[in-house]
Structure formats: C-alpha cells, structure tokens
Amino acid sequence: MDKIPSEIMIRRKNRALLLVYPDNTKYEFSFEFLRVHSRSAEVKGHGSSQSTLQLNKENVMINEVKPVGNYAIKLIFDDGHNSGIYTWKYLNELGQNKNKYWQTYLDQVKASGYTPE
C-alpha cells in the first residue's frame, strides 16, 4: 500500500510543495524539482532514450494541485505544463531519492552547458 499524505501544502513564498504523512514523515519538494521530474511525455518522452532535459525552470510556480482519484495529484504549473500525474507511489520514490535525483539533474544541466540567466 502506498503512503498517502494527510496534508498537501503549497508554499508559494518558498516555491515548495510540502507533503505531510500520518506517521509524521514530511517531504518538501521545490517546484523546480517537481517540474523537471514530471513523468509526462513532454519530459520523459515515450521511452527511456527520449527524455528531454528541462531547463529554465528555476522560477516556475505551481498554480494548482488537483486530486486524481485516490491515487495521485496533478500539478498545474505556470509555464503551461499540466500533463504530469504524480502518483503517491512516485511521490514517495521522489521523497526517498530526492538528493540523488536532484544531483543527477544538476549534473545533466552542467553537462548541457546551460547557465541560468
């Protein structure tokens, strides 16, 4: 059974989404982290070799969090991205691997030669 958060809070000032679970586990994700780790076809493509590195997402905001049944949430970002579904299972995976996933992303950004404006 996937852990389901008892609270979901958007922290606009910090650009972060906080998930609080009944067992007091807390995961806080920056909006940028969630945007670049979307499982949508726009980000991941339709196969493992088709993913697209998401750049220039440092200031992205989440406008809305919508429930999707009892198994997920849909995040509506201010850059128009709204097709990613974040299941409870995936959010738990992100929470448990946040530092590793973030470092991998930063390494990919650096390798691309991108520098934020």
N, C-alpha and C. Protein backbone atom coordinates (compact mmCIF):
# COMPACT_ATOMS: atom_id res chain seq x y z
N MET A 1 0.83 -1.19 0.00
CA MET A 1 0.00 0.00 0.00
C MET A 1 0.88 1.25 0.00
N ASP A 2 0.59 2.17 -0.91
CA ASP A 2 1.35 3.41 -0.99
C ASP A 2 0.96 4.34 0.14
N LYS A 3 1.96 5.02 0.68
CA LYS A 3 1.68 6.02 1.71
C LYS A 3 0.95 7.20 1.07
N ILE A 4 -0.11 7.65 1.73
CA ILE A 4 -0.90 8.78 1.23
C ILE A 4 -0.74 9.94 2.20
N PRO A 5 -0.38 11.13 1.70
CA PRO A 5 -0.20 12.26 2.61
C PRO A 5 -1.53 12.68 3.23
N SER A 6 -1.45 13.12 4.48
CA SER A 6 -2.64 13.63 5.16
C SER A 6 -2.78 15.14 4.93
N GLU A 7 -1.68 15.79 4.55
CA GLU A 7 -1.70 17.22 4.24
C GLU A 7 -0.83 17.48 3.01
N ILE A 8 -1.31 18.37 2.16
CA ILE A 8 -0.55 18.84 1.00
C ILE A 8 -0.60 20.36 1.04
N MET A 9 0.56 20.98 1.19
CA MET A 9 0.61 22.44 1.31
C MET A 9 1.49 23.05 0.23
N ILE A 10 0.95 24.05 -0.43
CA ILE A 10 1.74 24.83 -1.39
C ILE A 10 2.35 25.99 -0.63
N ARG A 11 3.65 26.10 -0.66
CA ARG A 11 4.37 27.20 -0.02
C ARG A 11 4.92 28.11 -1.12
N ARG A 12 4.08 29.01 -1.56
CA ARG A 12 4.44 29.87 -2.69
C ARG A 12 5.70 30.70 -2.41
N LYS A 13 5.80 31.24 -1.22
CA LYS A 13 6.95 32.09 -0.87
C LYS A 13 8.26 31.32 -1.02
N ASN A 14 8.25 30.05 -0.62
CA ASN A 14 9.45 29.21 -0.72
C ASN A 14 9.52 28.42 -2.02
N ARG A 15 8.48 28.55 -2.85
CA ARG A 15 8.38 27.77 -4.08
C ARG A 15 8.56 26.28 -3.79
N ALA A 16 7.73 25.80 -2.85
CA ALA A 16 7.86 24.41 -2.43
C ALA A 16 6.49 23.80 -2.16
N LEU A 17 6.43 22.49 -2.34
CA LEU A 17 5.24 21.71 -2.02
C LEU A 17 5.62 20.81 -0.85
N LEU A 18 4.83 20.88 0.21
CA LEU A 18 5.09 20.08 1.40
C LEU A 18 4.04 19.00 1.51
N LEU A 19 4.49 17.77 1.68
CA LEU A 19 3.61 16.63 1.92
C LEU A 19 3.87 16.14 3.33
N VAL A 20 2.80 16.03 4.12
CA VAL A 20 2.89 15.53 5.48
C VAL A 20 2.07 14.26 5.56
N TYR A 21 2.66 13.22 6.13
CA TYR A 21 2.01 11.91 6.21
C TYR A 21 1.54 11.63 7.64
N PRO A 22 0.56 10.74 7.79
CA PRO A 22 0.05 10.42 9.12
C PRO A 22 1.13 9.98 10.12
N ASP A 23 2.20 9.35 9.63
CA ASP A 23 3.28 8.91 10.53
C ASP A 23 4.29 10.02 10.82
N ASN A 24 3.97 11.25 10.39
CA ASN A 24 4.80 12.45 10.58
C ASN A 24 5.97 12.54 9.61
N THR A 25 6.07 11.63 8.65
CA THR A 25 7.05 11.78 7.58
C THR A 25 6.68 13.03 6.80
N LYS A 26 7.68 13.80 6.40
CA LYS A 26 7.44 15.01 5.62
C LYS A 26 8.41 15.02 4.43
N TYR A 27 7.86 15.34 3.28
CA TYR A 27 8.69 15.54 2.09
C TYR A 27 8.40 16.95 1.59
N GLU A 28 9.46 17.71 1.38
CA GLU A 28 9.31 19.04 0.80
C GLU A 28 10.06 19.06 -0.53
N PHE A 29 9.36 19.45 -1.57
CA PHE A 29 9.94 19.48 -2.91
C PHE A 29 9.86 20.90 -3.45
N SER A 30 10.94 21.35 -4.05
CA SER A 30 10.86 22.64 -4.74
C SER A 30 9.98 22.47 -5.97
N PHE A 31 9.35 23.55 -6.38
CA PHE A 31 8.53 23.49 -7.59
C PHE A 31 9.40 23.08 -8.78
N GLU A 32 10.62 23.59 -8.83
CA GLU A 32 11.52 23.25 -9.93
C GLU A 32 11.79 21.74 -9.94
N PHE A 33 12.06 21.17 -8.78
CA PHE A 33 12.32 19.72 -8.70
C PHE A 33 11.14 18.94 -9.26
N LEU A 34 9.93 19.29 -8.83
CA LEU A 34 8.75 18.57 -9.32
C LEU A 34 8.55 18.77 -10.81
N ARG A 35 8.81 19.97 -11.29
CA ARG A 35 8.62 20.25 -12.72
C ARG A 35 9.57 19.44 -13.58
N VAL A 36 10.83 19.38 -13.18
CA VAL A 36 11.82 18.67 -14.01
C VAL A 36 11.74 17.16 -13.84
N HIS A 37 11.03 16.70 -12.81
CA HIS A 37 10.86 15.26 -12.61
C HIS A 37 9.44 14.79 -12.94
N SER A 38 8.73 15.56 -13.72
CA SER A 38 7.40 15.15 -14.17
C SER A 38 7.54 13.88 -15.00
N ARG A 39 6.56 13.01 -14.88
CA ARG A 39 6.58 11.77 -15.67
C ARG A 39 5.81 11.93 -16.98
N SER A 40 5.51 13.14 -17.36
CA SER A 40 4.75 13.38 -18.58
C SER A 40 5.57 13.02 -19.81
N ALA A 41 4.89 12.83 -20.91
CA ALA A 41 5.57 12.53 -22.17
C ALA A 41 6.46 13.70 -22.60
N GLU A 42 6.05 14.92 -22.27
CA GLU A 42 6.86 16.11 -22.60
C GLU A 42 8.25 16.02 -21.99
N VAL A 43 8.34 15.48 -20.78
CA VAL A 43 9.62 15.39 -20.06
C VAL A 43 10.29 14.05 -20.31
N LYS A 44 9.55 12.96 -20.12
CA LYS A 44 10.13 11.62 -20.20
C LYS A 44 10.11 11.02 -21.60
N GLY A 45 9.34 11.60 -22.51
CA GLY A 45 9.20 11.02 -23.83
C GLY A 45 8.37 9.76 -23.77
N HIS A 46 8.48 8.95 -24.79
CA HIS A 46 7.72 7.70 -24.84
C HIS A 46 8.64 6.49 -24.70
N GLY A 47 9.83 6.73 -24.20
CA GLY A 47 10.79 5.66 -23.98
C GLY A 47 11.97 6.21 -23.22
N SER A 48 12.79 5.33 -22.66
CA SER A 48 13.88 5.77 -21.79
C SER A 48 14.90 6.66 -22.49
N SER A 49 15.06 6.51 -23.79
CA SER A 49 16.06 7.32 -24.51
C SER A 49 15.48 8.62 -25.05
N GLN A 50 14.20 8.88 -24.80
CA GLN A 50 13.55 10.05 -25.38
C GLN A 50 13.34 11.20 -24.39
N SER A 51 13.88 11.10 -23.18
CA SER A 51 13.64 12.15 -22.20
C SER A 51 14.28 13.46 -22.66
N THR A 52 13.65 14.56 -22.26
CA THR A 52 14.11 15.89 -22.63
C THR A 52 14.52 16.63 -21.36
N LEU A 53 15.77 17.07 -21.32
CA LEU A 53 16.27 17.82 -20.18
C LEU A 53 15.49 19.13 -20.07
N GLN A 54 14.89 19.35 -18.91
CA GLN A 54 14.10 20.55 -18.68
C GLN A 54 15.00 21.65 -18.14
N LEU A 55 15.05 22.77 -18.86
CA LEU A 55 15.92 23.89 -18.48
C LEU A 55 15.07 25.13 -18.25
N ASN A 56 15.65 26.10 -17.56
CA ASN A 56 14.99 27.38 -17.30
C ASN A 56 13.70 27.21 -16.50
N LYS A 57 13.75 26.35 -15.49
CA LYS A 57 12.57 26.10 -14.65
C LYS A 57 12.79 26.59 -13.21
N GLU A 58 13.84 27.40 -13.01
CA GLU A 58 14.20 27.85 -11.67
C GLU A 58 13.09 28.65 -11.00
N ASN A 59 12.30 29.38 -11.76
CA ASN A 59 11.28 30.26 -11.19
C ASN A 59 9.86 29.78 -11.43
N VAL A 60 9.70 28.54 -11.85
CA VAL A 60 8.37 28.01 -12.12
C VAL A 60 7.55 27.98 -10.83
N MET A 61 6.26 28.22 -10.99
CA MET A 61 5.33 28.19 -9.85
C MET A 61 4.28 27.11 -10.09
N ILE A 62 3.74 26.60 -9.01
CA ILE A 62 2.58 25.70 -9.10
C ILE A 62 1.36 26.56 -8.84
N ASN A 63 0.45 26.58 -9.80
CA ASN A 63 -0.78 27.35 -9.65
C ASN A 63 -1.86 26.56 -8.92
N GLU A 64 -1.85 25.24 -9.11
CA GLU A 64 -2.94 24.44 -8.56
C GLU A 64 -2.51 22.99 -8.38
N VAL A 65 -3.08 22.36 -7.36
CA VAL A 65 -2.90 20.93 -7.12
C VAL A 65 -4.29 20.31 -7.20
N LYS A 66 -4.46 19.37 -8.12
CA LYS A 66 -5.77 18.72 -8.31
C LYS A 66 -5.67 17.24 -7.95
N PRO A 67 -6.63 16.73 -7.19
CA PRO A 67 -6.62 15.29 -6.91
C PRO A 67 -6.96 14.50 -8.16
N VAL A 68 -6.37 13.33 -8.29
CA VAL A 68 -6.67 12.40 -9.37
C VAL A 68 -7.08 11.09 -8.69
N GLY A 69 -8.39 10.89 -8.60
CA GLY A 69 -8.89 9.71 -7.89
C GLY A 69 -8.33 9.66 -6.48
N ASN A 70 -8.04 8.46 -6.03
CA ASN A 70 -7.44 8.27 -4.71
C ASN A 70 -5.97 7.88 -4.82
N TYR A 71 -5.38 8.07 -6.00
CA TYR A 71 -4.04 7.53 -6.20
C TYR A 71 -2.98 8.56 -6.59
N ALA A 72 -3.38 9.83 -6.83
CA ALA A 72 -2.39 10.77 -7.36
C ALA A 72 -2.88 12.21 -7.25
N ILE A 73 -1.96 13.11 -7.61
CA ILE A 73 -2.30 14.52 -7.79
C ILE A 73 -1.78 14.97 -9.14
N LYS A 74 -2.41 15.98 -9.65
CA LYS A 74 -1.99 16.61 -10.91
C LYS A 74 -1.54 18.02 -10.54
N LEU A 75 -0.35 18.39 -10.97
CA LEU A 75 0.19 19.72 -10.68
C LEU A 75 0.06 20.60 -11.91
N ILE A 76 -0.50 21.79 -11.70
CA ILE A 76 -0.66 22.76 -12.78
C ILE A 76 0.40 23.84 -12.57
N PHE A 77 1.36 23.90 -13.50
CA PHE A 77 2.47 24.85 -13.40
C PHE A 77 2.18 26.11 -14.21
N ASP A 78 2.80 27.21 -13.82
CA ASP A 78 2.53 28.48 -14.50
C ASP A 78 3.22 28.60 -15.86
N ASP A 79 4.04 27.62 -16.22
CA ASP A 79 4.66 27.65 -17.56
C ASP A 79 3.80 26.90 -18.58
N GLY A 80 2.58 26.53 -18.16
CA GLY A 80 1.66 25.84 -19.06
C GLY A 80 1.69 24.33 -18.93
N HIS A 81 2.68 23.79 -18.21
CA HIS A 81 2.77 22.34 -18.06
C HIS A 81 1.69 21.86 -17.09
N ASN A 82 0.85 20.93 -17.56
CA ASN A 82 -0.23 20.43 -16.71
C ASN A 82 -0.57 18.97 -16.99
N SER A 83 0.34 18.26 -17.64
CA SER A 83 0.02 16.89 -18.03
C SER A 83 0.69 15.83 -17.17
N GLY A 84 1.43 16.23 -16.16
CA GLY A 84 2.09 15.24 -15.31
C GLY A 84 1.21 14.80 -14.16
N ILE A 85 1.09 13.50 -13.98
CA ILE A 85 0.36 12.92 -12.86
C ILE A 85 1.41 12.39 -11.88
N TYR A 86 1.28 12.79 -10.63
CA TYR A 86 2.22 12.38 -9.60
C TYR A 86 1.48 11.42 -8.66
N THR A 87 1.72 10.12 -8.85
CA THR A 87 1.06 9.12 -8.00
C THR A 87 1.68 9.17 -6.61
N TRP A 88 0.94 8.64 -5.63
CA TRP A 88 1.50 8.57 -4.28
C TRP A 88 2.79 7.76 -4.29
N LYS A 89 2.79 6.68 -5.06
CA LYS A 89 3.99 5.84 -5.15
C LYS A 89 5.18 6.64 -5.70
N TYR A 90 4.95 7.41 -6.77
CA TYR A 90 6.03 8.19 -7.36
C TYR A 90 6.50 9.29 -6.41
N LEU A 91 5.58 9.96 -5.71
CA LEU A 91 5.97 11.00 -4.76
C LEU A 91 6.79 10.41 -3.62
N ASN A 92 6.45 9.21 -3.17
CA ASN A 92 7.27 8.55 -2.14
C ASN A 92 8.65 8.23 -2.68
N GLU A 93 8.71 7.76 -3.92
CA GLU A 93 10.01 7.49 -4.55
C GLU A 93 10.84 8.77 -4.64
N LEU A 94 10.21 9.86 -5.07
CA LEU A 94 10.91 11.14 -5.15
C LEU A 94 11.42 11.58 -3.79
N GLY A 95 10.58 11.42 -2.77
CA GLY A 95 10.98 11.82 -1.43
C GLY A 95 12.16 11.02 -0.91
N GLN A 96 12.15 9.73 -1.16
CA GLN A 96 13.22 8.86 -0.67
C GLN A 96 14.52 9.03 -1.43
N ASN A 97 14.44 9.53 -2.66
CA ASN A 97 15.62 9.65 -3.52
C ASN A 97 15.91 11.09 -3.93
N LYS A 98 15.32 12.04 -3.23
CA LYS A 98 15.37 13.44 -3.65
C LYS A 98 16.80 13.94 -3.89
N ASN A 99 17.69 13.72 -2.94
CA ASN A 99 19.06 14.24 -3.08
C ASN A 99 19.78 13.62 -4.28
N LYS A 100 19.63 12.33 -4.45
CA LYS A 100 20.27 11.63 -5.57
C LYS A 100 19.71 12.12 -6.91
N TYR A 101 18.38 12.19 -7.01
CA TYR A 101 17.75 12.64 -8.25
C TYR A 101 18.11 14.08 -8.57
N TRP A 102 18.15 14.93 -7.55
CA TRP A 102 18.49 16.33 -7.76
C TRP A 102 19.93 16.47 -8.25
N GLN A 103 20.86 15.73 -7.65
CA GLN A 103 22.25 15.81 -8.07
C GLN A 103 22.42 15.31 -9.51
N THR A 104 21.72 14.25 -9.86
CA THR A 104 21.76 13.76 -11.24
C THR A 104 21.28 14.83 -12.20
N TYR A 105 20.18 15.50 -11.84
CA TYR A 105 19.66 16.58 -12.68
C TYR A 105 20.69 17.72 -12.80
N LEU A 106 21.26 18.14 -11.69
CA LEU A 106 22.25 19.23 -11.73
C LEU A 106 23.45 18.85 -12.59
N ASP A 107 23.87 17.60 -12.52
CA ASP A 107 24.99 17.12 -13.35
C ASP A 107 24.62 17.18 -14.84
N GLN A 108 23.38 16.82 -15.17
CA GLN A 108 22.92 16.88 -16.56
C GLN A 108 22.85 18.33 -17.06
N VAL A 109 22.36 19.21 -16.21
CA VAL A 109 22.31 20.64 -16.56
C VAL A 109 23.71 21.17 -16.82
N LYS A 110 24.63 20.86 -15.95
CA LYS A 110 26.02 21.32 -16.10
C LYS A 110 26.63 20.79 -17.40
N ALA A 111 26.40 19.51 -17.67
CA ALA A 111 26.93 18.89 -18.89
C ALA A 111 26.34 19.52 -20.14
N SER A 112 25.11 20.06 -20.04
CA SER A 112 24.47 20.67 -21.20
C SER A 112 25.06 22.04 -21.53
N GLY A 113 25.78 22.62 -20.56
CA GLY A 113 26.33 23.96 -20.78
C GLY A 113 25.37 25.07 -20.42
N TYR A 114 24.18 24.74 -19.94
CA TYR A 114 23.18 25.75 -19.59
C TYR A 114 23.60 26.51 -18.33
N THR A 115 23.42 27.81 -18.38
CA THR A 115 23.60 28.63 -17.18
C THR A 115 22.37 29.51 -17.01
N PRO A 116 21.80 29.51 -15.80
CA PRO A 116 20.61 30.34 -15.57
C PRO A 116 20.90 31.81 -15.81
N GLU A 117 19.87 32.51 -16.27
CA GLU A 117 20.04 33.94 -16.57
C GLU A 117 20.14 34.73 -15.31
